[in-house]
Each structure stands twice: as structure tokens, then as C-alpha cells.
Protein backbone atom coordinates (compact mmCIF):
# COMPACT_ATOMS: atom_id res chain seq x y z
CA MET A 1 -25.13 -23.26 -4.83
CA GLY A 2 -22.36 -20.67 -5.40
CA SER A 3 -22.87 -17.59 -3.41
CA PHE A 4 -23.53 -13.84 -5.38
CA ARG A 5 -20.09 -12.75 -4.26
CA SER A 6 -18.44 -15.66 -6.20
CA ILE A 7 -20.39 -15.39 -8.93
CA LEU A 8 -19.29 -11.69 -9.12
CA GLN A 9 -15.92 -12.59 -8.64
CA LEU A 10 -15.89 -15.05 -11.58
CA SER A 11 -17.23 -12.62 -13.97
CA PHE A 12 -14.72 -10.10 -13.01
CA ILE A 13 -11.81 -12.57 -13.37
CA THR A 14 -13.57 -13.04 -17.04
CA LEU A 15 -13.67 -9.69 -17.83
CA SER A 16 -9.72 -9.06 -16.68
CA LEU A 17 -8.93 -11.79 -19.26
CA ALA A 18 -8.96 -8.94 -21.86
CA GLN A 19 -6.62 -9.57 -25.14
CA HIS A 20 -3.24 -8.04 -25.00
CA SER A 21 -2.69 -5.27 -27.93
CA GLY A 22 0.91 -6.40 -28.98
CA THR A 23 1.79 -3.00 -28.49
CA SER A 24 3.29 -1.33 -25.42
CA LYS A 25 0.90 1.18 -23.98
CA LEU A 26 3.75 2.43 -21.87
CA GLN A 27 5.69 5.57 -22.30
CA TRP A 28 8.84 5.00 -20.49
CA GLY A 29 11.60 7.86 -19.92
CA PRO A 30 13.81 9.39 -16.98
CA CYS A 31 13.03 8.62 -13.67
CA ASN A 32 12.90 10.90 -10.75
CA ARG A 33 15.82 10.15 -8.36
CA THR A 34 14.35 11.53 -5.24
CA GLU A 35 11.68 8.47 -5.77
CA VAL A 36 13.57 5.64 -7.64
CA PRO A 37 17.43 5.48 -6.85
CA GLY A 38 19.32 3.88 -9.09
CA ASP A 39 23.00 3.67 -10.14
CA ILE A 40 22.32 1.26 -13.16
CA PRO A 41 19.85 2.42 -16.38
CA VAL A 42 16.47 2.44 -15.14
CA GLU A 43 13.54 4.03 -16.61
CA CYS A 44 10.13 4.92 -15.29
CA SER A 45 6.59 5.22 -16.35
CA THR A 46 3.04 5.23 -15.36
CA LEU A 47 0.27 3.32 -15.34
CA LEU A 48 -3.87 4.02 -15.03
CA VAL A 49 -5.83 0.80 -13.49
CA PRO A 50 -9.22 0.36 -12.22
CA LEU A 51 -9.65 1.78 -8.91
CA ASP A 52 -12.02 -0.89 -7.96
CA TYR A 53 -12.43 -3.88 -9.91
CA THR A 54 -15.67 -5.12 -8.53
CA LEU A 55 -17.20 -1.57 -10.06
CA ARG A 56 -17.65 -2.51 -13.99
CA ASN A 57 -18.69 0.93 -15.00
CA SER A 58 -16.53 3.03 -12.69
CA SER A 59 -14.47 5.55 -14.28
CA GLU A 60 -12.10 5.94 -11.09
CA THR A 61 -8.48 4.97 -11.56
CA LEU A 62 -5.67 4.44 -9.73
CA GLN A 63 -1.99 5.62 -11.09
CA LEU A 64 0.78 2.45 -10.53
CA ASP A 65 4.15 4.10 -10.91
CA LEU A 66 6.34 1.72 -12.85
CA VAL A 67 10.18 1.38 -12.63
CA LYS A 68 12.39 -0.80 -15.18
CA VAL A 69 15.69 -2.00 -14.65
CA ILE A 70 16.92 -2.42 -18.60
CA ALA A 71 18.57 -5.59 -19.46
CA PRO A 72 22.33 -5.58 -20.16
CA VAL A 73 21.92 -7.95 -22.98
CA LYS A 74 20.20 -6.44 -26.13
CA PRO A 75 17.50 -7.47 -27.37
CA SER A 76 15.47 -7.56 -24.39
CA LYS A 77 13.54 -11.20 -24.24
CA GLY A 78 10.87 -9.21 -22.36
CA SER A 79 10.01 -8.40 -19.05
CA ILE A 80 10.25 -9.82 -15.47
CA LEU A 81 7.62 -8.50 -12.70
CA PHE A 82 9.06 -8.62 -9.08
CA ASN A 83 7.41 -8.54 -5.66
CA PHE A 84 9.73 -8.23 -2.78
CA GLY A 85 7.40 -8.78 0.15
CA GLY A 86 6.24 -7.42 3.21
CA PRO A 87 3.49 -7.45 2.38
CA GLY A 88 3.98 -3.90 2.66
CA GLY A 89 7.18 -3.60 1.20
CA THR A 90 8.30 -1.23 -1.68
CA ALA A 91 10.08 -1.73 -4.72
CA ARG A 92 10.94 1.15 -6.92
CA ASP A 93 13.42 2.14 -4.17
CA GLU A 94 15.30 -1.32 -4.15
CA ILE A 95 15.16 -2.71 -7.60
CA GLY A 96 17.31 -0.32 -9.42
CA VAL A 97 20.32 -0.15 -6.74
CA THR A 98 23.36 -1.86 -6.70
CA PRO A 99 23.93 -4.46 -5.49
CA ILE A 100 20.48 -5.62 -5.14
CA ALA A 101 19.78 -5.19 -9.29
CA GLN A 102 23.24 -6.65 -10.39
CA GLU A 103 22.19 -9.76 -8.29
CA LEU A 104 18.47 -10.02 -9.78
CA LEU A 105 20.16 -9.55 -13.47
CA ALA A 106 22.41 -12.33 -12.80
CA LEU A 107 19.82 -14.54 -11.45
CA THR A 108 17.61 -13.91 -14.34
CA GLY A 109 20.52 -14.55 -17.07
CA ARG A 110 20.91 -10.58 -17.76
CA GLN A 111 18.24 -10.84 -20.79
CA TYR A 112 15.17 -9.60 -19.41
CA ASP A 113 13.99 -6.06 -17.87
CA LEU A 114 12.90 -6.20 -14.45
CA VAL A 115 9.88 -4.21 -13.94
CA ALA A 116 8.19 -3.37 -10.56
CA PHE A 117 5.62 -0.97 -8.58
CA ASP A 118 4.87 -0.08 -4.97
CA PRO A 119 1.63 -2.17 -4.73
CA ARG A 120 -1.77 -1.10 -3.09
CA GLY A 121 -1.23 0.03 0.60
CA THR A 122 2.24 0.41 0.53
CA SER A 123 3.85 3.72 1.31
CA GLY A 124 4.89 4.26 -2.17
CA SER A 125 1.20 3.63 -3.79
CA LYS A 126 -1.25 6.59 -4.53
CA ILE A 127 -3.69 4.55 -2.07
CA PRO A 128 -1.22 3.79 1.06
CA MET A 129 -2.63 2.33 4.07
CA LYS A 130 -2.10 5.53 6.57
CA CYS A 131 -4.18 5.27 9.58
CA TYR A 132 -2.48 8.15 11.69
CA ASP A 133 -2.19 12.02 11.16
CA ASN A 134 -1.68 12.82 14.85
CA GLU A 135 2.26 12.77 16.06
CA TYR A 136 1.40 11.74 19.53
CA GLU A 137 -0.76 8.74 18.32
CA ALA A 138 1.75 7.82 15.70
CA TRP A 139 4.56 8.04 18.25
CA SER A 140 2.28 5.93 20.54
CA LEU A 141 2.28 3.04 18.07
CA PHE A 142 5.66 3.13 17.46
CA PHE A 143 6.74 2.67 20.93
CA ASP A 144 4.11 0.21 21.55
CA GLN A 145 5.38 -2.45 19.22
CA LYS A 146 7.21 -4.62 21.52
CA PRO A 147 7.48 -8.60 21.96
CA SER A 148 4.66 -10.27 23.62
CA ASN A 149 7.05 -11.68 26.01
CA GLY A 150 8.51 -8.66 26.82
CA SER A 151 6.82 -8.77 30.48
CA ASP A 152 3.93 -10.59 32.11
CA ALA A 153 1.51 -7.80 30.94
CA GLU A 154 2.71 -7.53 27.18
CA LEU A 155 0.38 -9.78 25.93
CA GLY A 156 -2.80 -8.11 26.85
CA ASN A 157 -0.99 -4.67 25.99
CA SER A 158 -0.44 -6.09 22.17
CA TRP A 159 -4.29 -6.94 22.19
CA ALA A 160 -5.49 -3.96 23.17
CA ARG A 161 -3.15 -1.96 20.73
CA GLY A 162 -4.83 -4.47 17.96
CA HIS A 163 -8.33 -3.25 19.03
CA MET A 164 -6.97 0.27 18.69
CA VAL A 165 -5.18 0.04 15.36
CA SER A 166 -8.10 -1.74 13.85
CA GLU A 167 -10.58 0.89 14.94
CA GLN A 168 -8.24 3.85 14.12
CA CYS A 169 -7.69 2.17 10.58
CA LEU A 170 -11.52 2.09 10.15
CA LYS A 171 -12.24 5.40 11.35
CA THR A 172 -9.66 6.86 8.65
CA GLN A 173 -9.09 4.65 5.88
CA LYS A 174 -12.45 2.59 5.47
CA LYS A 175 -12.84 3.69 1.96
CA THR A 176 -9.87 3.13 0.28
CA GLY A 177 -8.61 0.19 3.03
CA SER A 178 -11.20 -1.96 1.22
CA LEU A 179 -9.55 -1.28 -2.16
CA ILE A 180 -6.47 -2.88 -0.83
CA SER A 181 -5.79 -6.60 -1.13
CA SER A 182 -3.82 -9.14 -3.07
CA ALA A 183 -6.54 -10.09 -5.27
CA PHE A 184 -6.82 -6.42 -6.29
CA THR A 185 -2.76 -6.40 -6.68
CA ALA A 186 -3.25 -9.17 -8.64
CA ARG A 187 -5.35 -7.49 -11.19
CA ASP A 188 -2.85 -4.82 -11.17
CA MET A 189 -0.07 -7.22 -12.27
CA MET A 190 -2.16 -8.49 -15.26
CA GLN A 191 -3.23 -4.91 -16.39
CA VAL A 192 0.83 -4.07 -16.25
CA VAL A 193 1.43 -7.39 -18.18
CA ASP A 194 -1.21 -6.23 -21.06
CA ALA A 195 0.18 -2.84 -21.14
CA LEU A 196 3.75 -4.17 -21.71
CA GLY A 197 2.31 -5.37 -25.16
CA GLU A 198 4.63 -8.17 -25.30
CA ASP A 199 3.00 -11.73 -25.31
CA GLY A 200 0.58 -11.42 -22.90
CA LEU A 201 2.23 -13.49 -20.73
CA LEU A 202 3.24 -13.01 -17.05
CA ARG A 203 6.95 -13.64 -15.85
CA TYR A 204 7.17 -12.96 -12.23
CA TRP A 205 9.45 -13.42 -9.38
CA GLY A 206 8.19 -13.11 -5.81
CA PHE A 207 9.97 -13.05 -2.38
CA SER A 208 8.66 -13.85 0.80
CA TYR A 209 4.89 -12.67 0.96
CA GLY A 210 5.86 -11.79 -3.12
CA THR A 211 5.27 -15.65 -2.88
CA THR A 212 1.64 -15.34 -1.51
CA LEU A 213 0.94 -13.00 -4.57
CA GLY A 214 2.58 -14.90 -6.79
CA ALA A 215 0.49 -17.96 -5.57
CA THR A 216 -2.62 -15.62 -5.57
CA ILE A 217 -1.95 -14.60 -9.33
CA ALA A 218 -1.49 -18.08 -10.49
CA ALA A 219 -4.63 -19.10 -9.10
CA MET A 220 -6.20 -16.50 -10.24
CA PHE A 221 -4.87 -16.47 -13.81
CA PRO A 222 -3.27 -19.86 -14.46
CA ASP A 223 -3.48 -19.71 -18.21
CA ARG A 224 -1.51 -16.54 -18.47
CA ILE A 225 1.44 -17.56 -16.58
CA ASP A 226 4.86 -18.09 -18.89
CA GLY A 227 6.91 -18.22 -15.91
CA MET A 228 6.95 -17.92 -12.22
CA ILE A 229 9.83 -18.11 -9.17
CA LEU A 230 8.31 -18.31 -5.56
CA ASP A 231 11.32 -17.70 -3.34
CA GLY A 232 11.38 -17.84 -0.05
CA VAL A 233 8.16 -19.43 0.47
CA GLN A 234 5.04 -18.59 2.66
CA ASN A 235 2.08 -20.80 3.33
CA PRO A 236 -0.76 -18.98 1.52
CA HIS A 237 -3.27 -21.41 3.16
CA GLU A 238 -2.22 -19.91 6.90
CA TYR A 239 -2.20 -16.48 5.25
CA TYR A 240 -5.83 -16.30 4.32
CA HIS A 241 -7.13 -19.18 6.82
CA ALA A 242 -5.38 -19.26 10.08
CA GLN A 243 -4.97 -16.76 13.34
CA ALA A 244 -1.42 -16.63 12.58
CA ASP A 245 1.20 -17.73 10.04
CA PHE A 246 2.49 -20.69 12.46
CA GLN A 247 4.38 -22.53 9.78
CA GLU A 248 6.76 -19.20 9.17
CA TRP A 249 8.33 -20.06 12.48
CA THR A 250 9.17 -23.72 12.05
CA ASP A 251 12.94 -23.68 11.34
CA SER A 252 13.78 -20.33 13.31
CA ASP A 253 15.33 -21.65 16.34
CA LYS A 254 17.26 -23.84 14.24
CA VAL A 255 18.69 -21.00 12.45
CA PHE A 256 19.13 -19.09 15.45
CA SER A 257 21.28 -22.08 17.01
CA SER A 258 23.35 -22.20 13.62
CA ILE A 259 24.42 -18.51 14.50
CA PHE A 260 26.60 -20.15 17.32
CA THR A 261 27.80 -23.49 15.73
CA GLY A 262 28.65 -21.43 12.41
CA CYS A 263 30.67 -19.13 14.92
CA VAL A 264 32.53 -22.17 16.73
CA ALA A 265 33.49 -23.49 13.55
CA ASN A 266 35.13 -20.11 12.31
CA ARG A 267 36.51 -18.83 15.86
CA GLU A 268 38.96 -16.62 13.99
CA ASN A 269 35.86 -14.50 12.44
CA CYS A 270 33.82 -14.92 14.82
CA ALA A 271 34.18 -12.76 17.91
CA LEU A 272 31.91 -14.62 20.38
CA ALA A 273 34.29 -17.69 20.04
CA THR A 274 37.45 -16.11 19.48
CA GLY A 275 40.00 -16.48 22.32
CA ASN A 276 37.94 -19.22 24.21
CA ASN A 277 37.10 -22.57 24.01
CA LYS A 278 33.19 -22.36 24.39
CA THR A 279 30.95 -24.72 22.70
CA ALA A 280 28.04 -23.45 20.44
CA ASP A 281 25.69 -24.61 22.91
CA GLU A 282 27.42 -22.59 25.97
CA LEU A 283 27.39 -19.58 23.49
CA GLU A 284 23.67 -19.72 22.85
CA GLN A 285 22.67 -20.24 26.54
CA ALA A 286 24.42 -17.19 27.07
CA VAL A 287 22.62 -15.14 25.02
CA TRP A 288 19.08 -16.66 26.14
CA ASP A 289 20.58 -15.72 30.05
CA LEU A 290 21.08 -12.51 28.62
CA LEU A 291 17.84 -11.67 27.13
CA ASP A 292 16.17 -12.95 30.39
CA ARG A 293 18.30 -10.63 32.48
CA VAL A 294 17.78 -7.64 30.44
CA LYS A 295 13.73 -8.24 30.45
CA TYR A 296 14.18 -6.91 34.13
CA ASN A 297 17.52 -5.35 34.23
CA PRO A 298 17.98 -3.05 30.97
CA ILE A 299 21.75 -2.12 30.34
CA ALA A 300 21.94 1.70 30.16
CA LEU A 301 24.33 2.89 27.40
CA ARG A 302 25.45 6.55 26.92
CA ASN A 303 22.06 7.61 24.67
CA LEU A 304 20.29 3.92 24.59
CA LYS A 305 19.38 1.05 26.76
CA ILE A 306 19.66 -2.44 25.77
CA ASP A 307 16.18 -4.12 27.07
CA TYR A 308 14.40 -7.26 25.62
CA THR A 309 12.89 -5.17 22.81
CA LEU A 310 16.00 -3.98 21.34
CA LEU A 311 18.19 -6.99 21.79
CA LYS A 312 15.29 -9.05 20.18
CA SER A 313 15.04 -6.44 17.34
CA ILE A 314 18.96 -6.99 16.92
CA ILE A 315 18.97 -10.63 16.76
CA VAL A 316 15.52 -11.07 14.63
CA ASN A 317 16.69 -8.89 12.26
CA ALA A 318 20.22 -10.86 11.67
CA LEU A 319 18.19 -13.81 11.30
CA TYR A 320 17.41 -12.43 7.71
CA ASN A 321 20.73 -12.88 6.43
CA SER A 322 24.05 -14.58 7.55
CA LYS A 323 26.24 -11.88 6.51
CA GLN A 324 25.08 -9.86 9.26
CA TRP A 325 26.07 -12.51 12.16
CA PRO A 326 29.64 -11.66 12.46
CA GLU A 327 28.74 -8.09 13.23
CA LEU A 328 25.62 -9.50 15.51
CA ALA A 329 28.52 -11.59 16.90
CA LEU A 330 30.88 -8.82 17.92
CA SER A 331 27.84 -6.74 19.28
CA LEU A 332 27.05 -9.77 21.57
CA HIS A 333 30.53 -10.27 22.78
CA TYR A 334 30.96 -6.46 23.60
CA VAL A 335 27.45 -6.83 25.91
CA LEU A 336 28.85 -10.30 27.27
CA SER A 337 32.11 -8.86 28.10
CA ASP A 338 30.92 -5.72 29.53
CA GLN A 339 32.47 -3.49 26.87
CA LEU A 340 29.70 -1.12 26.79
CA ASP A 341 31.51 2.13 25.36
CA LEU A 342 32.54 -0.29 22.22
CA LEU A 343 28.94 -1.33 21.81
CA GLN A 344 27.41 2.05 22.16
CA ASP A 345 30.14 3.06 19.23
CA LEU A 346 29.03 0.24 17.29
CA LEU A 347 25.17 1.18 17.52
CA ASP A 348 26.15 4.70 16.70
CA ALA A 349 27.91 3.87 13.56
CA VAL A 350 24.73 1.66 12.30
CA ASN A 351 22.13 4.18 13.63
CA ALA A 352 23.86 7.41 12.63
CA THR A 353 20.58 8.94 11.67
CA GLY A 354 17.58 9.39 14.14
CA ILE A 355 13.67 9.11 13.27
CA THR A 356 13.04 12.44 11.29
CA ASP A 357 9.22 11.42 10.17
CA ILE A 358 7.27 9.38 12.85
CA PHE A 359 4.72 8.87 10.03
CA ALA A 360 7.18 7.22 7.66
CA ALA A 361 8.60 5.11 10.38
CA ILE A 362 5.34 3.58 11.37
CA GLN A 363 4.19 3.25 7.60
CA GLN A 364 5.25 0.01 6.94
CA THR A 365 3.61 -1.44 10.00
CA GLN A 366 0.09 0.10 8.77
CA SER A 367 0.93 -1.46 5.22
CA LEU A 368 1.44 -4.82 6.91
CA ALA A 369 -1.68 -4.45 8.85
CA GLY A 370 -3.71 -3.20 6.03
CA ILE A 371 -2.70 -5.84 3.38
CA HIS A 372 -2.68 -9.22 5.92
CA CYS A 373 -5.04 -8.14 7.83
CA GLY A 374 -7.85 -7.52 5.20
CA ASP A 375 -6.36 -10.91 3.04
CA ASN A 376 -7.05 -12.86 6.30
CA MET A 377 -10.24 -14.39 6.90
CA VAL A 378 -10.14 -15.24 10.62
CA ARG A 379 -11.66 -12.86 13.44
CA THR A 380 -11.75 -13.56 16.87
CA GLU A 381 -13.72 -11.48 19.36
CA LYS A 382 -12.21 -12.45 22.57
CA PHE A 383 -8.78 -11.92 24.37
CA GLU A 384 -9.13 -15.87 25.78
CA ASP A 385 -9.91 -17.33 22.30
CA PHE A 386 -6.78 -15.78 20.89
CA VAL A 387 -4.32 -16.87 23.61
CA PRO A 388 -3.93 -20.48 22.15
CA ALA A 389 -2.71 -19.26 19.01
CA VAL A 390 -0.16 -17.34 20.69
CA GLN A 391 0.91 -20.22 22.80
CA TYR A 392 1.37 -22.25 19.64
CA MET A 393 3.42 -19.45 18.37
CA TYR A 394 5.53 -19.85 21.38
CA ASN A 395 5.85 -23.28 21.00
CA THR A 396 6.88 -23.17 17.51
CA SER A 397 9.70 -20.85 18.04
CA ARG A 398 11.33 -19.22 21.36
CA ILE A 399 13.12 -16.60 19.08
CA ILE A 400 10.47 -15.24 17.13
CA GLY A 401 7.26 -16.67 18.42
CA ASP A 402 6.68 -13.26 20.46
CA ALA A 403 7.64 -11.03 17.50
CA LEU A 404 4.62 -10.36 15.62
CA VAL A 405 1.89 -11.19 18.32
CA ASN A 406 1.17 -7.29 17.71
CA LEU A 407 0.20 -7.81 13.96
CA TYR A 408 -1.84 -11.08 14.66
CA SER A 409 -3.77 -9.21 17.53
CA THR A 410 -4.51 -6.43 15.14
CA CYS A 411 -5.67 -8.98 12.24
CA ALA A 412 -7.75 -10.79 14.63
CA GLN A 413 -10.03 -7.76 15.27
CA TRP A 414 -9.31 -5.99 11.89
CA LYS A 415 -12.69 -4.14 10.52
CA ILE A 416 -12.17 -3.38 6.96
CA GLU A 417 -13.37 -6.22 4.61
CA PRO A 418 -11.74 -5.65 0.89
CA LYS A 419 -13.81 -5.65 -2.04
CA GLU A 420 -12.15 -9.04 -3.14
CA ARG A 421 -10.21 -11.64 -1.32
CA TYR A 422 -9.04 -14.84 -3.17
CA THR A 423 -11.01 -17.63 -1.35
CA GLY A 424 -9.74 -20.85 -3.47
CA ASP A 425 -7.69 -23.75 -2.42
CA PHE A 426 -4.55 -23.22 -4.41
CA ASN A 427 -5.02 -26.37 -6.25
CA VAL A 428 -3.38 -25.22 -9.63
CA LYS A 429 -2.12 -26.25 -13.04
CA THR A 430 -0.46 -23.08 -14.80
CA LYS A 431 0.22 -22.88 -18.26
CA ASN A 432 3.79 -23.52 -17.65
CA PRO A 433 5.23 -24.64 -14.11
CA VAL A 434 6.22 -22.86 -11.25
CA LEU A 435 9.80 -23.04 -9.72
CA PHE A 436 9.59 -22.88 -5.91
CA ILE A 437 13.05 -22.20 -4.16
CA GLY A 438 13.52 -22.46 -0.23
CA ASN A 439 16.42 -22.49 1.95
CA SER A 440 17.72 -25.11 4.21
CA HIS A 441 18.28 -22.69 7.02
CA ASP A 442 15.33 -19.86 6.71
CA ALA A 443 13.95 -18.74 9.93
CA LEU A 444 11.44 -16.80 8.24
CA THR A 445 9.62 -18.97 5.37
CA PRO A 446 11.24 -22.47 6.24
CA LEU A 447 11.93 -25.10 3.23
CA VAL A 448 8.74 -27.27 4.29
CA SER A 449 6.48 -24.24 3.05
CA ALA A 450 7.85 -24.74 -0.44
CA LYS A 451 7.33 -28.42 -0.41
CA ASN A 452 3.74 -27.80 0.85
CA VAL A 453 2.73 -25.24 -1.64
CA SER A 454 4.64 -26.77 -4.48
CA ALA A 455 2.53 -30.07 -3.98
CA THR A 456 -0.92 -28.24 -4.85
CA PHE A 457 0.98 -26.68 -8.43
CA GLU A 458 0.92 -29.40 -10.93
CA ASP A 459 4.23 -30.14 -12.42
CA SER A 460 6.18 -27.60 -10.27
CA VAL A 461 9.19 -28.39 -8.90
CA VAL A 462 10.99 -27.05 -5.50
CA LEU A 463 14.84 -26.09 -5.70
CA GLU A 464 16.52 -26.53 -2.08
CA VAL A 465 19.50 -23.92 -1.48
CA ILE A 466 21.71 -25.06 1.30
CA GLY A 467 22.02 -21.42 2.84
CA TYR A 468 21.43 -19.20 5.97
CA GLY A 469 18.85 -16.50 5.87
CA HIS A 470 15.47 -15.51 4.23
CA ALA A 471 15.08 -16.36 0.67
CA SER A 472 17.82 -17.26 -2.20
CA LEU A 473 19.36 -13.75 -2.15
CA ALA A 474 20.56 -14.15 1.17
CA ALA A 475 22.35 -17.28 0.17
CA PRO A 476 24.96 -16.57 -2.78
CA SER A 477 25.35 -19.89 -5.04
CA ALA A 478 26.43 -20.12 -8.61
CA CYS A 479 24.40 -23.08 -8.90
CA THR A 480 21.02 -21.02 -8.23
CA ILE A 481 22.25 -18.57 -10.71
CA ARG A 482 22.35 -21.13 -13.61
CA THR A 483 19.41 -22.81 -12.30
CA THR A 484 17.13 -19.86 -12.68
CA SER A 485 18.69 -18.39 -15.63
CA ALA A 486 18.26 -21.47 -17.34
CA TYR A 487 14.43 -21.32 -16.15
CA TRP A 488 14.07 -17.86 -17.64
CA ALA A 489 15.90 -18.83 -20.92
CA ASN A 490 13.70 -21.59 -21.75
CA GLY A 491 11.44 -23.21 -19.05
CA THR A 492 14.03 -25.78 -18.01
CA LEU A 493 13.17 -26.68 -14.52
CA PRO A 494 15.55 -28.48 -12.11
CA PRO A 495 15.41 -32.35 -11.48
CA GLU A 496 13.16 -32.94 -8.59
CA GLY A 497 15.48 -33.06 -5.34
CA LYS A 498 18.03 -30.54 -6.76
CA VAL A 499 19.99 -28.94 -4.14
CA CYS A 500 22.23 -25.78 -4.66
CA GLU A 501 25.13 -25.70 -2.29
CA LEU A 502 26.13 -22.26 -0.86
CA ASP A 503 29.39 -20.70 -1.80
CA ALA A 504 29.70 -18.13 0.95
CA PRO A 505 30.76 -20.20 3.88
CA LEU A 506 29.23 -18.52 7.38
CA TYR A 507 31.47 -15.85 8.55
CA SER A 508 33.35 -15.53 5.42
CA ASN A 509 33.55 -12.51 3.37
CA VAL A 510 32.29 -13.98 0.40
CA THR A 511 29.51 -11.96 -1.39
CA TRP A 512 27.34 -12.18 -4.35
CA ALA A 513 29.76 -9.97 -6.19
CA ASP A 514 32.20 -12.89 -5.59
CA VAL A 515 30.09 -15.30 -6.93
CA ILE A 516 28.41 -13.47 -9.84
CA ASP A 517 31.96 -12.87 -11.06
CA LYS A 518 32.68 -16.42 -10.95
CA VAL A 519 29.62 -17.31 -13.29
CA TYR A 520 29.85 -14.30 -15.76
CA GLY A 521 33.68 -13.24 -15.39
CA ASN A 522 35.43 -10.67 -13.84
CA GLY A 523 34.24 -7.05 -13.73
CA THR A 524 30.51 -7.88 -13.98
CA PHE A 525 29.58 -6.91 -10.79
CA THR A 526 30.12 -3.44 -9.62
CA SER A 527 32.03 -3.58 -6.43
CA VAL A 528 29.63 -2.19 -4.19
CA LYS A 529 28.43 -4.32 -1.33
CA ARG A 530 24.81 -4.49 -0.01
CA ASP A 531 24.55 -2.75 3.43
CA LEU A 532 23.38 -5.73 5.26
CA SER A 533 24.07 -3.94 8.95
CA PHE A 534 21.42 -4.29 11.21
CA ARG A 535 19.80 -1.01 12.32
CA PRO A 536 18.00 -1.46 15.68
CA THR A 537 15.26 1.10 16.35
CA VAL A 538 14.19 1.66 19.76
CA GLY A 539 10.31 0.64 20.19
CA THR A 540 9.80 -2.04 17.58
CA ALA A 541 10.16 -5.75 17.85
CA LEU A 542 10.79 -6.57 13.88
CA THR A 543 11.56 -4.07 11.53
CA PRO A 544 13.28 -5.70 8.52
CA PRO A 545 14.23 -4.35 5.57
CA SER A 546 11.14 -4.51 3.19
CA ILE A 547 13.18 -6.50 0.62
CA TRP A 548 13.46 -9.36 3.46
CA LYS A 549 10.34 -9.55 4.67
């Protein structure tokens, strides 16, 4: 017999399938540029949605702030909704900024409006997960986000910190925290679809965690999917049902090794290999030795110390996009050759501004916990029962296995239960098939996850991109543009086994701007390069740009 909760959830799903009116309910107008930066045409609107979808007669609402990038080809064929991942990443401050906007327009055929909002629990939401209002406690959290292998005592410290965070969030966020979940965000998405007044069907592109959100939407509303791309695929089965996202780190060490094989293959563009005959294995071992050395003997610079936490942060951030690798190689070269003044100058250049708002600095950490930990169903009471999961992460990846133990320590002890979470099996037949995209060398969401999730989505196809970095945006490819544009234009899926080659070789200066001009013609892309510099932040082991996580 199904539980009372399950019966309620089915009734809520039925209620949420209200017919669209065919007329837009949204009033679009100018954006507040302090909240929504943009250098191409964008418009903004607001939409009131139910605050709590489990309360049928409640009048309480939540305001969604929407932003739309206007399709350059008129008339627009409709809207595609986006989520850039996290969980906890924002969208309104990303989607309208060149070059990301131009990249997304190119990948969608330049015929669709691009629409996004900041989901529940994020810093841009009207109900952000904000557990701290005391500066001392906020700074303590910030400096305590360290890799669990940073010292012999750090794993226990991570577990204790996880308990403190879960208790603090329960104390301050119990009411609104229960209204933060991927299931509720999925319902918000469908409210936006209805308000757009187009055809009542969802067109969606999700990156990283956005693939878990997309899979959740597809499972809850399979008959309302017109088109969906899940790109840089997270395994939603582990996201909801495992102690950690173990599969995410399957290829992390392979990608880390590619930093050095790519360097040796392009010595003239890689500072680590210029002027020497060292092999890729020798260069990689030198960096492993450096990590071990700074764990016990940090390197003092003028106003910064290179310790295990900072060095791990620099390296892990660089794994998100191979365009960072030349700068990473230069930094490592300065350390290994004892050119510390030049290293300090480089770090000063990419870290020009310090932290001016500690609460903003810890916001994504809290959002990540509030969304992921609430969605996840596994709780672990005893530290000794958590240790095997940590060892599994260590065994899966040496480079990243210790980076997110803080998060999983918090989730294991999380106290806030969401009003609704998706509990199904992701065996889905959508109205129209889903396109999955996975890079061959993705340190965060391996290709195997795309294949595993696609296996339970009837008629879906996996597109493999021969690329280094997280999701297709890290791998400029004309083939990807043509494949995704055809999918949005008429639902055309690539043949099973389709592979797109990379048009931006490692340690080259080729960018999406070059590839887009190749496909659409010179001058299509505004000549602004995406800022891909790593920005190491003292005290945090893994603080990637929101669009990449």
C-alpha cells in the first residue's frame, strides 16, 4: 500500500498540471542592472508561485525573478529555461553576460529566448538558505571548509563542523528550509512554463546539478517535455540515495593527469614543460610531492601562504575548464622553481579584491547544503559509520576525493526535511526524448553518468564530446553547436554513439568565440573572452564559479 505522503504527492502533481492559457501572464521590462548584469538585450519579469505546494488552500506566495535573453533571430520560436548547477548556483547574474550569453545563443540556434531564475535556497531567491547572522560564526565556517586530508585530524573536524552547520540551519531556517527542494523547484519551473503562455511544454537545458533537477522535472512531468538537454550529467540516484556522489569523481584523476600529458604535448605553451625534457609522469609526481610538502610545510609569500588547502583549491578549480591550465601550469612552475615573488604577483593579479561581505562569501556553501542535503535521503548518526563512505571517495579519486567531505558530513547529519522530495526511480518516458551530453574528460561529472542515466530515459541519446572540463561549455566544438541547434530546431537527435571532436586543443588560444564565428560567420560573437582565471580563496577547498558546479 502506498503511504499517505505518496498519495498526497500524486494529488499535488495532478493539481500542478493545470492547462496553460495560451497567453503570457508575464510583463517583461527593463532589468535592474545591479542585480542582472547584461551586455546583450535582456528583459526581466516577476512571477508569483505557491510558497508551499503541499498546502492546497494557502494564499502564501513566492516571487520568482525572471530574466530573458532575447533571441537575435526573429520571430522567436519560444523559450528555453536554464539551470547552471550547484546546487546553489545563481543564473540571473550569469545568463545575460557576454560571452556566456553568446555561447548559449549559438548552441540553441539563436532562435529561442533564454529564460532563467535563481532557484529556491540560492542567494538570489526570496528564500535563500541563510543560517548565519553572526560574523564570528560566519568567518569560522568560511575558514573551516578544508579538504579532509589536510591533516590527520581534519576528517574528525569536518564531521564536527557538519553537525554544527546542520544544527545552526535547523535553528534559523527550519520553516523556509523545508520549502527548499528540487521537487518544489521543478514545480516552479512548470509554473514559469504556464506563465509564458507558449505551448504549455517545457524546453530546458541543465548543467551539472541542473541535470539532476532536469531529470526530476522529467520524471514528475514526463508528458510536458518538448525538449531537454542534460549536460555534464550528475547521477541522480546517488544524489538522492547515497552517502555521497561517489560516481562524480570517476574520471577526476584521469583529467588531472591530462594537465601534464597535454602540457608535454604542447611544451611551447606550457610553463611547466618549457626548457626541460621532463615527462608527464615526472611533472605530475612533482605536483603530488608539492601537495604533500605544503601539507606540513606551507610556503610563505608576502601576504599569503601556500598550504594544502589553497593549493588543492587552485588545482581543483582548474579542473573545471582546461582553458585555465596554462595559468595553472605557470603558477605551479613558479612554486616548483622557487620564483615566489612572481607567484605572489600572479595571485595578486587574479585576486585583486578581497572579501568585503563574509555572509555573501559563505552563501553558496549554505545554499549547497540546504538544497543537496534536503534532497538526499541518507542520514548517518555515528562518525564511524560515515568513515567507509569517505574512504570510498578517497579510493575513487586522489585529487578530489577529500574536497567535499565537509558537504557530505553536513548532509549525513542534516535535520531539515523538505515538504516534498522526489522518491521515484527515474525510469522515464518523456513526451519527446532527452539529449544527454558528456565530455570524455570531465573531472566532476563523468561520461559514465550520462550513459547510466540515459539508460533509464526511454529513447534518449548520449552525445560524447571529446573535451576536457566540466560540461560542454568547457569544450568549444562546432559539432556540438550543430548537434544541439538541430535538436532545438526540430527535435533531431544525433545517432547513437555520436562523438563531437574538440576544436580548441589543449594549451591553445582557441575559444568559443573562434568556433562560433566559424559556424555562424565572422563578427557573430562579441570579442570578449570569458574570465576563466582561477581565484584561490583562503580557507575554502572547493569554491568553483557557480556555472560550473
